[in-house]
């Protein structure tokens, strides 16, 4: 919401379409009165938990979790007001989905102890200097042993081209 951004006042929505399993986005340039065409922003179809963040220069980022044999935290960005999106370097790949085996069996979906259903969706934010900040979670051990879930942080100062060392929170 920076008045010097070429996309000042734009609104962005990102979501999972469970009929095709992808992350989609749309943009409004008039305060939500109308919305533009939808854009598919994930290349994978087993994803959820999308979250947008806008940089001071108007670049919009979206992050989400991807489920394959492991989990990955994915990020895409748009530098043209949401018209098109490109993937940036993933902050995390090849991670173990957080879940307690007993609770997951009781709930029928990934869950933590106490039968608390859990989706490891990341949160992304952009600082006033344009640095990206991503917080996400995964199981630091092999599935079913030791810790069930830990929270981690990574930062990028080059628009997601690379990420600083992961920090355990």
Protein backbone atom coordinates (compact mmCIF):
# COMPACT_ATOMS: atom_id res chain seq x y z
CA UNK A 1 0.00 0.00 0.00
CA UNK A 2 2.85 2.31 -0.94
CA UNK A 3 1.71 5.46 -2.82
CA UNK A 4 4.89 5.37 -4.94
CA UNK A 5 4.18 1.82 -6.18
CA UNK A 6 2.82 1.57 -9.73
CA UNK A 7 0.22 -0.84 -8.29
CA UNK A 8 -0.89 1.34 -5.39
CA UNK A 9 -4.34 0.31 -4.15
CA UNK A 10 -4.39 -3.07 -5.91
CA UNK A 11 -5.93 -5.97 -4.00
CA UNK A 12 -4.68 -9.55 -4.40
CA UNK A 13 -6.36 -12.82 -3.48
CA UNK A 14 -4.69 -16.25 -3.66
CA UNK A 15 -6.38 -19.59 -2.98
CA UNK A 16 -6.34 -23.33 -3.52
CA UNK A 17 -8.80 -24.67 -6.06
CA UNK A 18 -9.42 -28.18 -4.77
CA UNK A 19 -10.99 -29.27 -8.07
CA UNK A 20 -7.59 -29.06 -9.78
CA UNK A 21 -5.37 -28.84 -6.66
CA UNK A 22 -3.50 -25.70 -7.78
CA UNK A 23 -2.90 -22.24 -6.34
CA UNK A 24 -4.67 -19.42 -8.20
CA UNK A 25 -4.73 -15.64 -7.93
CA UNK A 26 -6.79 -12.68 -9.02
CA UNK A 27 -6.31 -8.94 -8.76
CA UNK A 28 -8.62 -5.97 -8.30
CA UNK A 29 -7.49 -2.52 -9.42
CA UNK A 30 -10.60 -0.73 -8.13
CA UNK A 31 -10.98 -1.61 -4.47
CA UNK A 32 -12.69 -4.94 -5.07
CA UNK A 33 -15.54 -3.72 -7.28
CA UNK A 34 -14.32 -5.98 -10.08
CA UNK A 35 -11.65 -8.65 -10.33
CA UNK A 36 -9.33 -9.58 -13.20
CA UNK A 37 -8.72 -12.93 -14.84
CA UNK A 38 -7.53 -15.75 -12.62
CA UNK A 39 -3.90 -16.80 -12.91
CA UNK A 40 -2.58 -20.24 -12.01
CA UNK A 41 0.57 -19.63 -9.98
CA UNK A 42 1.58 -23.15 -8.88
CA UNK A 43 3.02 -25.72 -11.23
CA UNK A 44 2.14 -28.59 -8.92
CA UNK A 45 -1.36 -29.84 -8.20
CA UNK A 46 -0.96 -31.03 -4.61
CA UNK A 47 -0.69 -27.69 -2.81
CA UNK A 48 -2.53 -25.59 -0.24
CA UNK A 49 -2.25 -22.78 2.26
CA UNK A 50 -1.48 -19.85 -0.05
CA UNK A 51 -0.58 -16.51 1.52
CA UNK A 52 0.18 -13.21 -0.31
CA UNK A 53 2.48 -10.32 0.64
CA UNK A 54 3.29 -7.12 -1.25
CA UNK A 55 6.69 -5.39 -1.34
CA UNK A 56 7.06 -1.61 -1.21
CA UNK A 57 7.94 -1.57 -4.94
CA UNK A 58 4.64 -3.32 -5.79
CA UNK A 59 6.05 -6.82 -6.32
CA UNK A 60 3.54 -9.32 -4.94
CA UNK A 61 4.66 -12.67 -3.55
CA UNK A 62 2.65 -15.75 -2.64
CA UNK A 63 3.84 -18.73 -0.62
CA UNK A 64 2.25 -22.14 0.00
CA UNK A 65 3.07 -25.72 0.99
CA UNK A 66 3.46 -28.45 -1.64
CA UNK A 67 2.86 -32.10 -0.78
CA UNK A 68 4.76 -34.79 -2.66
CA UNK A 69 6.58 -37.67 -0.96
CA UNK A 70 7.86 -34.87 1.30
CA UNK A 71 6.78 -31.26 1.72
CA UNK A 72 8.22 -28.13 0.15
CA UNK A 73 7.60 -24.45 0.75
CA UNK A 74 7.08 -22.71 -2.59
CA UNK A 75 7.03 -19.01 -3.52
CA UNK A 76 6.04 -17.20 -6.71
CA UNK A 77 6.12 -13.51 -7.50
CA UNK A 78 4.49 -11.02 -9.81
CA UNK A 79 6.23 -7.82 -10.83
CA UNK A 80 3.38 -6.60 -13.04
CA UNK A 81 0.42 -6.18 -10.71
CA UNK A 82 -0.61 -9.85 -10.69
CA UNK A 83 -0.87 -10.21 -14.47
CA UNK A 84 1.72 -12.99 -14.56
CA UNK A 85 3.71 -14.96 -11.97
CA UNK A 86 7.09 -16.67 -11.88
CA UNK A 87 8.45 -19.15 -9.35
CA UNK A 88 11.37 -18.11 -7.16
CA UNK A 89 13.80 -20.35 -5.30
CA UNK A 90 12.04 -22.56 -2.73
CA UNK A 91 12.87 -21.71 0.90
CA UNK A 92 12.48 -25.38 1.89
CA UNK A 93 12.27 -28.71 0.04
CA UNK A 94 12.41 -32.38 0.97
CA UNK A 95 11.00 -31.88 4.47
CA UNK A 96 8.94 -34.30 6.57
CA UNK A 97 5.29 -33.38 7.07
CA UNK A 98 4.61 -32.70 10.76
CA UNK A 99 2.26 -35.30 12.21
CA UNK A 100 1.87 -37.59 15.16
CA UNK A 101 1.01 -41.11 13.95
CA UNK A 102 -1.62 -41.83 16.63
CA UNK A 103 -3.35 -38.46 16.25
CA UNK A 104 -3.21 -38.68 12.45
CA UNK A 105 -4.82 -42.13 12.62
CA UNK A 106 -7.59 -40.78 14.87
CA UNK A 107 -8.25 -37.70 12.71
CA UNK A 108 -7.84 -39.30 9.29
CA UNK A 109 -5.59 -36.38 8.27
CA UNK A 110 -2.24 -35.02 9.43
CA UNK A 111 -2.59 -34.11 13.11
CA UNK A 112 -0.45 -33.29 16.12
CA UNK A 113 -0.71 -34.82 19.60
CA UNK A 114 -4.11 -34.17 21.12
CA UNK A 115 -5.78 -34.82 17.74
CA UNK A 116 -5.12 -31.28 16.54
CA UNK A 117 -5.40 -31.27 12.77
CA UNK A 118 -2.39 -29.48 11.32
CA UNK A 119 -1.59 -27.94 7.94
CA UNK A 120 2.02 -26.68 7.69
CA UNK A 121 1.17 -23.55 5.68
CA UNK A 122 3.95 -20.97 5.52
CA UNK A 123 3.56 -17.28 6.27
CA UNK A 124 5.39 -14.74 4.10
CA UNK A 125 6.00 -11.05 4.73
CA UNK A 126 8.01 -8.33 3.04
CA UNK A 127 9.91 -5.74 5.07
CA UNK A 128 10.10 -2.03 4.22
CA UNK A 129 13.54 -2.72 2.70
CA UNK A 130 12.03 -5.35 0.33
CA UNK A 131 13.52 -8.33 2.19
CA UNK A 132 11.33 -11.46 2.15
CA UNK A 133 10.65 -13.26 5.42
CA UNK A 134 9.16 -16.76 5.46
CA UNK A 135 8.14 -18.77 8.52
CA UNK A 136 7.22 -22.44 8.07
CA UNK A 137 7.19 -25.74 9.92
CA UNK A 138 8.17 -29.36 9.41
CA UNK A 139 9.15 -32.46 11.35
CA UNK A 140 12.90 -32.22 11.99
CA UNK A 141 13.27 -36.00 12.43
CA UNK A 142 11.99 -38.94 10.46
CA UNK A 143 8.23 -39.41 10.60
CA UNK A 144 7.05 -40.94 13.86
CA UNK A 145 10.19 -40.31 15.92
CA UNK A 146 11.46 -37.52 18.18
CA UNK A 147 9.98 -34.06 17.73
CA UNK A 148 6.74 -33.87 15.78
CA UNK A 149 7.10 -30.27 14.58
CA UNK A 150 9.47 -27.32 14.73
CA UNK A 151 9.14 -23.80 13.30
CA UNK A 152 11.79 -22.28 11.02
CA UNK A 153 12.59 -18.89 9.47
CA UNK A 154 14.43 -17.84 6.32
CA UNK A 155 15.12 -14.47 4.73
CA UNK A 156 15.87 -13.41 1.17
CA UNK A 157 17.33 -10.05 0.25
CA UNK A 158 17.33 -10.69 -3.52
CA UNK A 159 13.65 -11.23 -4.30
CA UNK A 160 13.72 -14.96 -3.58
CA UNK A 161 16.64 -15.84 -5.86
CA UNK A 162 18.43 -17.18 -2.78
CA UNK A 163 17.69 -17.65 0.92
CA UNK A 164 19.84 -17.12 3.97
CA UNK A 165 20.55 -20.03 6.30
CA UNK A 166 17.49 -21.59 7.93
CA UNK A 167 16.95 -20.54 11.56
CA UNK A 168 15.18 -22.78 14.09
CA UNK A 169 12.70 -20.69 16.04
